[in-house]
Amino acid sequence: KTAGGAFDGNRPQDVPAWRAVATAEADTGALFGALPGLSVYGTVVHQGPWFIDAANTQKVSGYTLLDLGLAYRARIGAQEAVFRLAVENVTNERYWA
């Protein structure tokens, strides 16, 4: 419900209809016999379009992002450490955040 009912039934501003995130990680040592403890990972994020005003007259396009990275698990003394290197938005997608 909105004040006076002016915007009843509209989508709230800055809220997309849907958003999907998928992440996968693979141990390269198990796959290719590479360096034990090394893995590759990727994330795809898709966000649908959304309105930027309460009247739902101004819409921003959705976007899809791809992030890629490497992770290395190592033992340092008695502790296990994970080192990560990531590149976000690999495809250089321009989007409104």
PDB file of N, CA and C in Angstrom:
ATOM      1  N   LYS A   1       0.855  -1.184   0.000  1.00  0.00           N
ATOM      2  CA  LYS A   1       0.000   0.000   0.000  1.00  0.00           C
ATOM      3  C   LYS A   1       0.896   1.240   0.000  1.00  0.00           C
ATOM      4  N   THR A   2       0.510   2.206  -0.802  1.00  0.00           N
ATOM      5  CA  THR A   2       1.256   3.462  -0.847  1.00  0.00           C
ATOM      6  C   THR A   2       0.354   4.595  -0.395  1.00  0.00           C
ATOM      7  N   ALA A   3       0.970   5.705  -0.041  1.00  0.00           N
ATOM      8  CA  ALA A   3       0.204   6.863   0.430  1.00  0.00           C
ATOM      9  C   ALA A   3      -0.800   7.290  -0.642  1.00  0.00           C
ATOM     10  N   GLY A   4      -2.065   7.277  -0.321  1.00  0.00           N
ATOM     11  CA  GLY A   4      -3.104   7.682  -1.258  1.00  0.00           C
ATOM     12  C   GLY A   4      -3.348   6.680  -2.379  1.00  0.00           C
ATOM     13  N   GLY A   5      -2.617   5.551  -2.378  1.00  0.00           N
ATOM     14  CA  GLY A   5      -2.793   4.524  -3.390  1.00  0.00           C
ATOM     15  C   GLY A   5      -2.231   4.880  -4.761  1.00  0.00           C
ATOM     16  N   ALA A   6      -1.486   5.969  -4.855  1.00  0.00           N
ATOM     17  CA  ALA A   6      -0.986   6.444  -6.157  1.00  0.00           C
ATOM     18  C   ALA A   6      -0.086   5.422  -6.851  1.00  0.00           C
ATOM     19  N   PHE A   7       0.680   4.658  -6.070  1.00  0.00           N
ATOM     20  CA  PHE A   7       1.635   3.729  -6.675  1.00  0.00           C
ATOM     21  C   PHE A   7       1.328   2.270  -6.339  1.00  0.00           C
ATOM     22  N   ASP A   8       0.105   1.989  -5.879  1.00  0.00           N
ATOM     23  CA  ASP A   8      -0.272   0.609  -5.575  1.00  0.00           C
ATOM     24  C   ASP A   8      -0.121  -0.255  -6.837  1.00  0.00           C
ATOM     25  N   GLY A   9       0.445  -1.441  -6.674  1.00  0.00           N
ATOM     26  CA  GLY A   9       0.615  -2.347  -7.800  1.00  0.00           C
ATOM     27  C   GLY A   9       1.929  -2.165  -8.546  1.00  0.00           C
ATOM     28  N   ASN A  10       2.650  -1.092  -8.253  1.00  0.00           N
ATOM     29  CA  ASN A  10       3.949  -0.863  -8.907  1.00  0.00           C
ATOM     30  C   ASN A  10       5.039  -1.623  -8.177  1.00  0.00           C
ATOM     31  N   ARG A  11       6.102  -1.932  -8.915  1.00  0.00           N
ATOM     32  CA  ARG A  11       7.273  -2.557  -8.310  1.00  0.00           C
ATOM     33  C   ARG A  11       8.026  -1.482  -7.510  1.00  0.00           C
ATOM     34  N   PRO A  12       8.517  -1.800  -6.327  1.00  0.00           N
ATOM     35  CA  PRO A  12       9.304  -0.823  -5.575  1.00  0.00           C
ATOM     36  C   PRO A  12      10.518  -0.387  -6.394  1.00  0.00           C
ATOM     37  N   GLN A  13      10.873   0.870  -6.295  1.00  0.00           N
ATOM     38  CA  GLN A  13      12.014   1.353  -7.074  1.00  0.00           C
ATOM     39  C   GLN A  13      13.304   0.696  -6.592  1.00  0.00           C
ATOM     40  N   ASP A  14      14.239   0.518  -7.534  1.00  0.00           N
ATOM     41  CA  ASP A  14      15.561  -0.077  -7.287  1.00  0.00           C
ATOM     42  C   ASP A  14      15.499  -1.541  -6.872  1.00  0.00           C
ATOM     43  N   VAL A  15      14.396  -2.228  -7.177  1.00  0.00           N
ATOM     44  CA  VAL A  15      14.266  -3.649  -6.862  1.00  0.00           C
ATOM     45  C   VAL A  15      13.997  -4.406  -8.168  1.00  0.00           C
ATOM     46  N   PRO A  16      14.969  -5.214  -8.630  1.00  0.00           N
ATOM     47  CA  PRO A  16      14.745  -5.953  -9.870  1.00  0.00           C
ATOM     48  C   PRO A  16      13.693  -7.046  -9.673  1.00  0.00           C
ATOM     49  N   ALA A  17      13.066  -7.434 -10.785  1.00  0.00           N
ATOM     50  CA  ALA A  17      12.071  -8.512 -10.729  1.00  0.00           C
ATOM     51  C   ALA A  17      12.738  -9.808 -10.307  1.00  0.00           C
ATOM     52  N   TRP A  18      13.997 -10.018 -10.728  1.00  0.00           N
ATOM     53  CA  TRP A  18      14.711 -11.235 -10.347  1.00  0.00           C
ATOM     54  C   TRP A  18      16.205 -11.042 -10.497  1.00  0.00           C
ATOM     55  N   ARG A  19      16.948 -11.912  -9.823  1.00  0.00           N
ATOM     56  CA  ARG A  19      18.401 -11.905  -9.857  1.00  0.00           C
ATOM     57  C   ARG A  19      18.851 -13.355  -9.723  1.00  0.00           C
ATOM     58  N   ALA A  20      19.826 -13.739 -10.528  1.00  0.00           N
ATOM     59  CA  ALA A  20      20.336 -15.110 -10.481  1.00  0.00           C
ATOM     60  C   ALA A  20      21.857 -15.082 -10.356  1.00  0.00           C
ATOM     61  N   VAL A  21      22.391 -15.971  -9.537  1.00  0.00           N
ATOM     62  CA  VAL A  21      23.840 -16.074  -9.331  1.00  0.00           C
ATOM     63  C   VAL A  21      24.223 -17.549  -9.415  1.00  0.00           C
ATOM     64  N   ALA A  22      25.241 -17.841 -10.222  1.00  0.00           N
ATOM     65  CA  ALA A  22      25.747 -19.216 -10.330  1.00  0.00           C
ATOM     66  C   ALA A  22      27.256 -19.177 -10.143  1.00  0.00           C
ATOM     67  N   THR A  23      27.769 -20.064  -9.303  1.00  0.00           N
ATOM     68  CA  THR A  23      29.199 -20.135  -9.031  1.00  0.00           C
ATOM     69  C   THR A  23      29.663 -21.573  -9.180  1.00  0.00           C
ATOM     70  N   ALA A  24      30.841 -21.735  -9.761  1.00  0.00           N
ATOM     71  CA  ALA A  24      31.431 -23.064  -9.892  1.00  0.00           C
ATOM     72  C   ALA A  24      32.915 -22.972  -9.552  1.00  0.00           C
ATOM     73  N   GLU A  25      33.429 -24.024  -8.933  1.00  0.00           N
ATOM     74  CA  GLU A  25      34.843 -24.093  -8.596  1.00  0.00           C
ATOM     75  C   GLU A  25      35.339 -25.496  -8.931  1.00  0.00           C
ATOM     76  N   ALA A  26      36.540 -25.579  -9.484  1.00  0.00           N
ATOM     77  CA  ALA A  26      37.108 -26.874  -9.849  1.00  0.00           C
ATOM     78  C   ALA A  26      38.543 -26.957  -9.362  1.00  0.00           C
ATOM     79  N   ASP A  27      38.882 -28.076  -8.774  1.00  0.00           N
ATOM     80  CA  ASP A  27      40.236 -28.336  -8.303  1.00  0.00           C
ATOM     81  C   ASP A  27      41.081 -28.745  -9.511  1.00  0.00           C
ATOM     82  N   THR A  28      42.046 -27.917  -9.889  1.00  0.00           N
ATOM     83  CA  THR A  28      42.844 -28.208 -11.079  1.00  0.00           C
ATOM     84  C   THR A  28      43.760 -29.403 -10.871  1.00  0.00           C
ATOM     85  N   GLY A  29      44.149 -29.654  -9.638  1.00  0.00           N
ATOM     86  CA  GLY A  29      44.976 -30.824  -9.358  1.00  0.00           C
ATOM     87  C   GLY A  29      44.239 -32.100  -9.708  1.00  0.00           C
ATOM     88  N   ALA A  30      42.970 -32.170  -9.372  1.00  0.00           N
ATOM     89  CA  ALA A  30      42.170 -33.357  -9.675  1.00  0.00           C
ATOM     90  C   ALA A  30      41.847 -33.433 -11.164  1.00  0.00           C
ATOM     91  N   LEU A  31      41.678 -32.286 -11.806  1.00  0.00           N
ATOM     92  CA  LEU A  31      41.301 -32.286 -13.217  1.00  0.00           C
ATOM     93  C   LEU A  31      42.483 -32.514 -14.157  1.00  0.00           C
ATOM     94  N   PHE A  32      43.575 -31.819 -13.899  1.00  0.00           N
ATOM     95  CA  PHE A  32      44.680 -31.826 -14.858  1.00  0.00           C
ATOM     96  C   PHE A  32      46.005 -32.306 -14.276  1.00  0.00           C
ATOM     97  N   GLY A  33      46.020 -32.713 -13.032  1.00  0.00           N
ATOM     98  CA  GLY A  33      47.265 -33.114 -12.396  1.00  0.00           C
ATOM     99  C   GLY A  33      48.189 -31.932 -12.147  1.00  0.00           C
ATOM    100  N   ALA A  34      47.600 -30.739 -12.112  1.00  0.00           N
ATOM    101  CA  ALA A  34      48.390 -29.519 -11.905  1.00  0.00           C
ATOM    102  C   ALA A  34      48.784 -29.385 -10.434  1.00  0.00           C
ATOM    103  N   LEU A  35      49.225 -28.239 -10.072  1.00  0.00           N
ATOM    104  CA  LEU A  35      49.686 -27.929  -8.726  1.00  0.00           C
ATOM    105  C   LEU A  35      48.626 -28.293  -7.680  1.00  0.00           C
ATOM    106  N   PRO A  36      48.932 -29.195  -6.756  1.00  0.00           N
ATOM    107  CA  PRO A  36      47.955 -29.547  -5.712  1.00  0.00           C
ATOM    108  C   PRO A  36      47.575 -28.302  -4.899  1.00  0.00           C
ATOM    109  N   GLY A  37      46.296 -28.173  -4.618  1.00  0.00           N
ATOM    110  CA  GLY A  37      45.811 -27.037  -3.848  1.00  0.00           C
ATOM    111  C   GLY A  37      45.328 -25.877  -4.705  1.00  0.00           C
ATOM    112  N   LEU A  38      45.573 -25.934  -6.017  1.00  0.00           N
ATOM    113  CA  LEU A  38      45.150 -24.859  -6.913  1.00  0.00           C
ATOM    114  C   LEU A  38      43.773 -25.172  -7.486  1.00  0.00           C
ATOM    115  N   SER A  39      42.909 -24.174  -7.485  1.00  0.00           N
ATOM    116  CA  SER A  39      41.585 -24.345  -8.082  1.00  0.00           C
ATOM    117  C   SER A  39      41.213 -23.081  -8.858  1.00  0.00           C
ATOM    118  N   VAL A  40      40.305 -23.244  -9.796  1.00  0.00           N
ATOM    119  CA  VAL A  40      39.782 -22.123 -10.564  1.00  0.00           C
ATOM    120  C   VAL A  40      38.300 -21.988 -10.230  1.00  0.00           C
ATOM    121  N   TYR A  41      37.815 -20.763 -10.295  1.00  0.00           N
ATOM    122  CA  TYR A  41      36.399 -20.577 -10.021  1.00  0.00           C
ATOM    123  C   TYR A  41      35.841 -19.444 -10.876  1.00  0.00           C
ATOM    124  N   GLY A  42      34.549 -19.465 -11.047  1.00  0.00           N
ATOM    125  CA  GLY A  42      33.868 -18.436 -11.816  1.00  0.00           C
ATOM    126  C   GLY A  42      32.484 -18.195 -11.264  1.00  0.00           C
ATOM    127  N   THR A  43      32.021 -16.984 -11.435  1.00  0.00           N
ATOM    128  CA  THR A  43      30.689 -16.605 -10.985  1.00  0.00           C
ATOM    129  C   THR A  43      30.016 -15.808 -12.097  1.00  0.00           C
ATOM    130  N   VAL A  44      28.768 -16.137 -12.375  1.00  0.00           N
ATOM    131  CA  VAL A  44      27.953 -15.378 -13.312  1.00  0.00           C
ATOM    132  C   VAL A  44      26.795 -14.792 -12.520  1.00  0.00           C
ATOM    133  N   VAL A  45      26.601 -13.493 -12.659  1.00  0.00           N
ATOM    134  CA  VAL A  45      25.504 -12.800 -11.986  1.00  0.00           C
ATOM    135  C   VAL A  45      24.634 -12.153 -13.057  1.00  0.00           C
ATOM    136  N   HIS A  46      23.344 -12.447 -13.035  1.00  0.00           N
ATOM    137  CA  HIS A  46      22.415 -11.765 -13.943  1.00  0.00           C
ATOM    138  C   HIS A  46      21.353 -11.088 -13.101  1.00  0.00           C
ATOM    139  N   GLN A  47      21.167  -9.811 -13.371  1.00  0.00           N
ATOM    140  CA  GLN A  47      20.128  -9.058 -12.680  1.00  0.00           C
ATOM    141  C   GLN A  47      19.182  -8.497 -13.727  1.00  0.00           C
ATOM    142  N   GLY A  48      17.901  -8.723 -13.543  1.00  0.00           N
ATOM    143  CA  GLY A  48      16.906  -8.217 -14.471  1.00  0.00           C
ATOM    144  C   GLY A  48      16.734  -6.711 -14.349  1.00  0.00           C
ATOM    145  N   PRO A  49      15.968  -6.115 -15.253  1.00  0.00           N
ATOM    146  CA  PRO A  49      15.756  -4.662 -15.219  1.00  0.00           C
ATOM    147  C   PRO A  49      14.966  -4.235 -13.980  1.00  0.00           C
ATOM    148  N   TRP A  50      15.068  -2.965 -13.647  1.00  0.00           N
ATOM    149  CA  TRP A  50      14.335  -2.424 -12.507  1.00  0.00           C
ATOM    150  C   TRP A  50      13.980  -0.976 -12.765  1.00  0.00           C
ATOM    151  N   PHE A  51      12.987  -0.496 -12.031  1.00  0.00           N
ATOM    152  CA  PHE A  51      12.542   0.886 -12.152  1.00  0.00           C
ATOM    153  C   PHE A  51      13.293   1.758 -11.153  1.00  0.00           C
ATOM    154  N   ILE A  52      13.548   3.010 -11.563  1.00  0.00           N
ATOM    155  CA  ILE A  52      14.275   3.918 -10.671  1.00  0.00           C
ATOM    156  C   ILE A  52      13.362   5.012 -10.116  1.00  0.00           C
ATOM    157  N   ASP A  53      12.067   4.866 -10.353  1.00  0.00           N
ATOM    158  CA  ASP A  53      11.123   5.821  -9.786  1.00  0.00           C
ATOM    159  C   ASP A  53       9.875   5.067  -9.307  1.00  0.00           C
ATOM    160  N   ALA A  54       9.185   5.652  -8.353  1.00  0.00           N
ATOM    161  CA  ALA A  54       8.020   4.995  -7.758  1.00  0.00           C
ATOM    162  C   ALA A  54       6.878   4.834  -8.757  1.00  0.00           C
ATOM    163  N   ALA A  55       6.806   5.708  -9.764  1.00  0.00           N
ATOM    164  CA  ALA A  55       5.723   5.629 -10.750  1.00  0.00           C
ATOM    165  C   ALA A  55       5.976   4.540 -11.792  1.00  0.00           C
ATOM    166  N   ASN A  56       7.163   3.919 -11.761  1.00  0.00           N
ATOM    167  CA  ASN A  56       7.552   2.871 -12.711  1.00  0.00           C
ATOM    168  C   ASN A  56       7.541   3.372 -14.160  1.00  0.00           C
ATOM    169  N   THR A  57       8.037   4.586 -14.360  1.00  0.00           N
ATOM    170  CA  THR A  57       8.103   5.144 -15.719  1.00  0.00           C
ATOM    171  C   THR A  57       9.539   5.166 -16.254  1.00  0.00           C
ATOM    172  N   GLN A  58      10.538   5.086 -15.383  1.00  0.00           N
ATOM    173  CA  GLN A  58      11.939   5.108 -15.804  1.00  0.00           C
ATOM    174  C   GLN A  58      12.586   3.794 -15.420  1.00  0.00           C
ATOM    175  N   LYS A  59      13.040   3.058 -16.443  1.00  0.00           N
ATOM    176  CA  LYS A  59      13.557   1.713 -16.235  1.00  0.00           C
ATOM    177  C   LYS A  59      15.038   1.649 -16.595  1.00  0.00           C
ATOM    178  N   VAL A  60      15.793   0.884 -15.819  1.00  0.00           N
ATOM    179  CA  VAL A  60      17.209   0.633 -16.076  1.00  0.00           C
ATOM    180  C   VAL A  60      17.333  -0.799 -16.586  1.00  0.00           C
ATOM    181  N   SER A  61      18.155  -0.981 -17.621  1.00  0.00           N
ATOM    182  CA  SER A  61      18.341  -2.321 -18.201  1.00  0.00           C
ATOM    183  C   SER A  61      19.024  -3.261 -17.223  1.00  0.00           C
ATOM    184  N   GLY A  62      18.746  -4.540 -17.366  1.00  0.00           N
ATOM    185  CA  GLY A  62      19.433  -5.559 -16.582  1.00  0.00           C
ATOM    186  C   GLY A  62      20.850  -5.751 -17.105  1.00  0.00           C
ATOM    187  N   TYR A  63      21.603  -6.607 -16.437  1.00  0.00           N
ATOM    188  CA  TYR A  63      22.982  -6.849 -16.840  1.00  0.00           C
ATOM    189  C   TYR A  63      23.423  -8.240 -16.420  1.00  0.00           C
ATOM    190  N   THR A  64      24.511  -8.702 -17.047  1.00  0.00           N
ATOM    191  CA  THR A  64      25.124  -9.977 -16.701  1.00  0.00           C
ATOM    192  C   THR A  64      26.612  -9.746 -16.504  1.00  0.00           C
ATOM    193  N   LEU A  65      27.142 -10.213 -15.385  1.00  0.00           N
ATOM    194  CA  LEU A  65      28.560 -10.054 -15.062  1.00  0.00           C
ATOM    195  C   LEU A  65      29.233 -11.416 -14.978  1.00  0.00           C
ATOM    196  N   LEU A  66      30.509 -11.460 -15.344  1.00  0.00           N
ATOM    197  CA  LEU A  66      31.308 -12.666 -15.230  1.00  0.00           C
ATOM    198  C   LEU A  66      32.549 -12.351 -14.404  1.00  0.00           C
ATOM    199  N   ASP A  67      32.755 -13.096 -13.343  1.00  0.00           N
ATOM    200  CA  ASP A  67      33.936 -12.972 -12.487  1.00  0.00           C
ATOM    201  C   ASP A  67      34.705 -14.284 -12.548  1.00  0.00           C
ATOM    202  N   LEU A  68      36.027 -14.209 -12.648  1.00  0.00           N
ATOM    203  CA  LEU A  68      36.879 -15.396 -12.697  1.00  0.00           C
ATOM    204  C   LEU A  68      37.990 -15.273 -11.666  1.00  0.00           C
ATOM    205  N   GLY A  69      38.473 -16.415 -11.174  1.00  0.00           N
ATOM    206  CA  GLY A  69      39.543 -16.344 -10.196  1.00  0.00           C
ATOM    207  C   GLY A  69      40.272 -17.656  -9.994  1.00  0.00           C
ATOM    208  N   LEU A  70      41.344 -17.544  -9.231  1.00  0.00           N
ATOM    209  CA  LEU A  70      42.160 -18.683  -8.818  1.00  0.00           C
ATOM    210  C   LEU A  70      42.211 -18.707  -7.295  1.00  0.00           C
ATOM    211  N   ALA A  71      42.284 -19.894  -6.745  1.00  0.00           N
ATOM    212  CA  ALA A  71      42.460 -20.043  -5.300  1.00  0.00           C
ATOM    213  C   ALA A  71      43.561 -21.068  -5.075  1.00  0.00           C
ATOM    214  N   TYR A  72      44.389 -20.811  -4.077  1.00  0.00           N
ATOM    215  CA  TYR A  72      45.463 -21.750  -3.742  1.00  0.00           C
ATOM    216  C   TYR A  72      45.413 -22.023  -2.244  1.00  0.00           C
ATOM    217  N   ARG A  73      45.256 -23.284  -1.907  1.00  0.00           N
ATOM    218  CA  ARG A  73      45.222 -23.704  -0.501  1.00  0.00           C
ATOM    219  C   ARG A  73      46.588 -24.246  -0.139  1.00  0.00           C
ATOM    220  N   ALA A  74      47.143 -23.708   0.937  1.00  0.00           N
ATOM    221  CA  ALA A  74      48.482 -24.123   1.362  1.00  0.00           C
ATOM    222  C   ALA A  74      48.509 -24.264   2.874  1.00  0.00           C
ATOM    223  N   ARG A  75      49.398 -25.062   3.344  1.00  0.00           N
ATOM    224  CA  ARG A  75      49.594 -25.231   4.782  1.00  0.00           C
ATOM    225  C   ARG A  75      50.823 -24.415   5.162  1.00  0.00           C
ATOM    226  N   ILE A  76      50.635 -23.530   6.124  1.00  0.00           N
ATOM    227  CA  ILE A  76      51.730 -22.723   6.653  1.00  0.00           C
ATOM    228  C   ILE A  76      51.866 -23.095   8.118  1.00  0.00           C
ATOM    229  N   GLY A  77      52.861 -23.911   8.417  1.00  0.00           N
ATOM    230  CA  GLY A  77      52.990 -24.446   9.772  1.00  0.00           C
ATOM    231  C   GLY A  77      51.813 -25.358  10.048  1.00  0.00           C
ATOM    232  N   ALA A  78      51.108 -25.087  11.139  1.00  0.00           N
ATOM    233  CA  ALA A  78      49.953 -25.905  11.500  1.00  0.00           C
ATOM    234  C   ALA A  78      48.650 -25.334  10.942  1.00  0.00           C
ATOM    235  N   GLN A  79      48.736 -24.185  10.290  1.00  0.00           N
ATOM    236  CA  GLN A  79      47.536 -23.518   9.792  1.00  0.00           C
ATOM    237  C   GLN A  79      47.359 -23.711   8.294  1.00  0.00           C
ATOM    238  N   GLU A  80      46.123 -23.796   7.873  1.00  0.00           N
ATOM    239  CA  GLU A  80      45.826 -23.834   6.443  1.00  0.00           C
ATOM    240  C   GLU A  80      45.456 -22.419   6.002  1.00  0.00           C
ATOM    241  N   ALA A  81      45.991 -21.994   4.877  1.00  0.00           N
ATOM    242  CA  ALA A  81      45.708 -20.659   4.341  1.00  0.00           C
ATOM    243  C   ALA A  81      45.156 -20.798   2.933  1.00  0.00           C
ATOM    244  N   VAL A  82      44.317 -19.846   2.543  1.00  0.00           N
ATOM    245  CA  VAL A  82      43.781 -19.805   1.189  1.00  0.00           C
ATOM    246  C   VAL A  82      44.120 -18.441   0.607  1.00  0.00           C
ATOM    247  N   PHE A  83      44.779 -18.450  -0.542  1.00  0.00           N
ATOM    248  CA  PHE A  83      45.123 -17.232  -1.251  1.00  0.00           C
ATOM    249  C   PHE A  83      44.237 -17.159  -2.485  1.00  0.00           C
ATOM    250  N   ARG A  84      43.630 -16.010  -2.717  1.00  0.00           N
ATOM    251  CA  ARG A  84      42.712 -15.863  -3.851  1.00  0.00           C
ATOM    252  C   ARG A  84      43.136 -14.687  -4.729  1.00  0.00           C
ATOM    253  N   LEU A  85      42.964 -14.891  -6.016  1.00  0.00           N
ATOM    254  CA  LEU A  85      43.167 -13.842  -7.007  1.00  0.00           C
ATOM    255  C   LEU A  85      41.930 -13.830  -7.876  1.00  0.00           C
ATOM    256  N   ALA A  86      41.239 -12.687  -7.943  1.00  0.00           N
ATOM    257  CA  ALA A  86      39.986 -12.625  -8.680  1.00  0.00           C
ATOM    258  C   ALA A  86      39.971 -11.416  -9.610  1.00  0.00           C
ATOM    259  N   VAL A  87      39.308 -11.590 -10.723  1.00  0.00           N
ATOM    260  CA  VAL A  87      39.054 -10.492 -11.657  1.00  0.00           C
ATOM    261  C   VAL A  87      37.544 -10.385 -11.779  1.00  0.00           C
ATOM    262  N   GLU A  88      37.003  -9.255 -11.387  1.00  0.00           N
ATOM    263  CA  GLU A  88      35.568  -9.040 -11.451  1.00  0.00           C
ATOM    264  C   GLU A  88      35.204  -8.363 -12.767  1.00  0.00           C
ATOM    265  N   ASN A  89      34.025  -8.667 -13.267  1.00  0.00           N
ATOM    266  CA  ASN A  89      33.495  -8.075 -14.489  1.00  0.00           C
ATOM    267  C   ASN A  89      34.490  -8.238 -15.646  1.00  0.00           C
ATOM    268  N   VAL A  90      34.866  -9.473 -15.911  1.00  0.00           N
ATOM    269  CA  VAL A  90      35.863  -9.808 -16.932  1.00  0.00           C
ATOM    270  C   VAL A  90      35.478  -9.268 -18.308  1.00  0.00           C
ATOM    271  N   THR A  91      34.204  -9.250 -18.628  1.00  0.00           N
ATOM    272  CA  THR A  91      33.751  -8.808 -19.950  1.00  0.00           C
ATOM    273  C   THR A  91      33.584  -7.291 -20.046  1.00  0.00           C
ATOM    274  N   ASN A  92      33.910  -6.574 -18.979  1.00  0.00           N
ATOM    275  CA  ASN A  92      33.828  -5.102 -18.931  1.00  0.00           C
ATOM    276  C   ASN A  92      32.423  -4.605 -19.246  1.00  0.00           C
ATOM    277  N   GLU A  93      31.431  -5.280 -18.692  1.00  0.00           N
ATOM    278  CA  GLU A  93      30.025  -4.900 -18.879  1.00  0.00           C
ATOM    279  C   GLU A  93      29.774  -3.564 -18.177  1.00  0.00           C
ATOM    280  N   ARG A  94      29.129  -2.641 -18.884  1.00  0.00           N
ATOM    281  CA  ARG A  94      28.745  -1.368 -18.275  1.00  0.00           C
ATOM    282  C   ARG A  94      27.343  -1.539 -17.711  1.00  0.00           C
ATOM    283  N   TYR A  95      27.153  -1.132 -16.458  1.00  0.00           N
ATOM    284  CA  TYR A  95      25.861  -1.323 -15.826  1.00  0.00           C
ATOM    285  C   TYR A  95      25.638  -0.272 -14.764  1.00  0.00           C
ATOM    286  N   TRP A  96      24.372  -0.084 -14.420  1.00  0.00           N
ATOM    287  CA  TRP A  96      23.967   0.859 -13.403  1.00  0.00           C
ATOM    288  C   TRP A  96      23.901   0.110 -12.082  1.00  0.00           C
ATOM    289  N   ALA A  97      24.638   0.584 -11.085  1.00  0.00           N
ATOM    290  CA  ALA A  97      24.628  -0.077  -9.780  1.00  0.00           C
ATOM    291  C   ALA A  97      24.045   0.825  -8.712  1.00  0.00           C
TER     292      ALA A  97
END
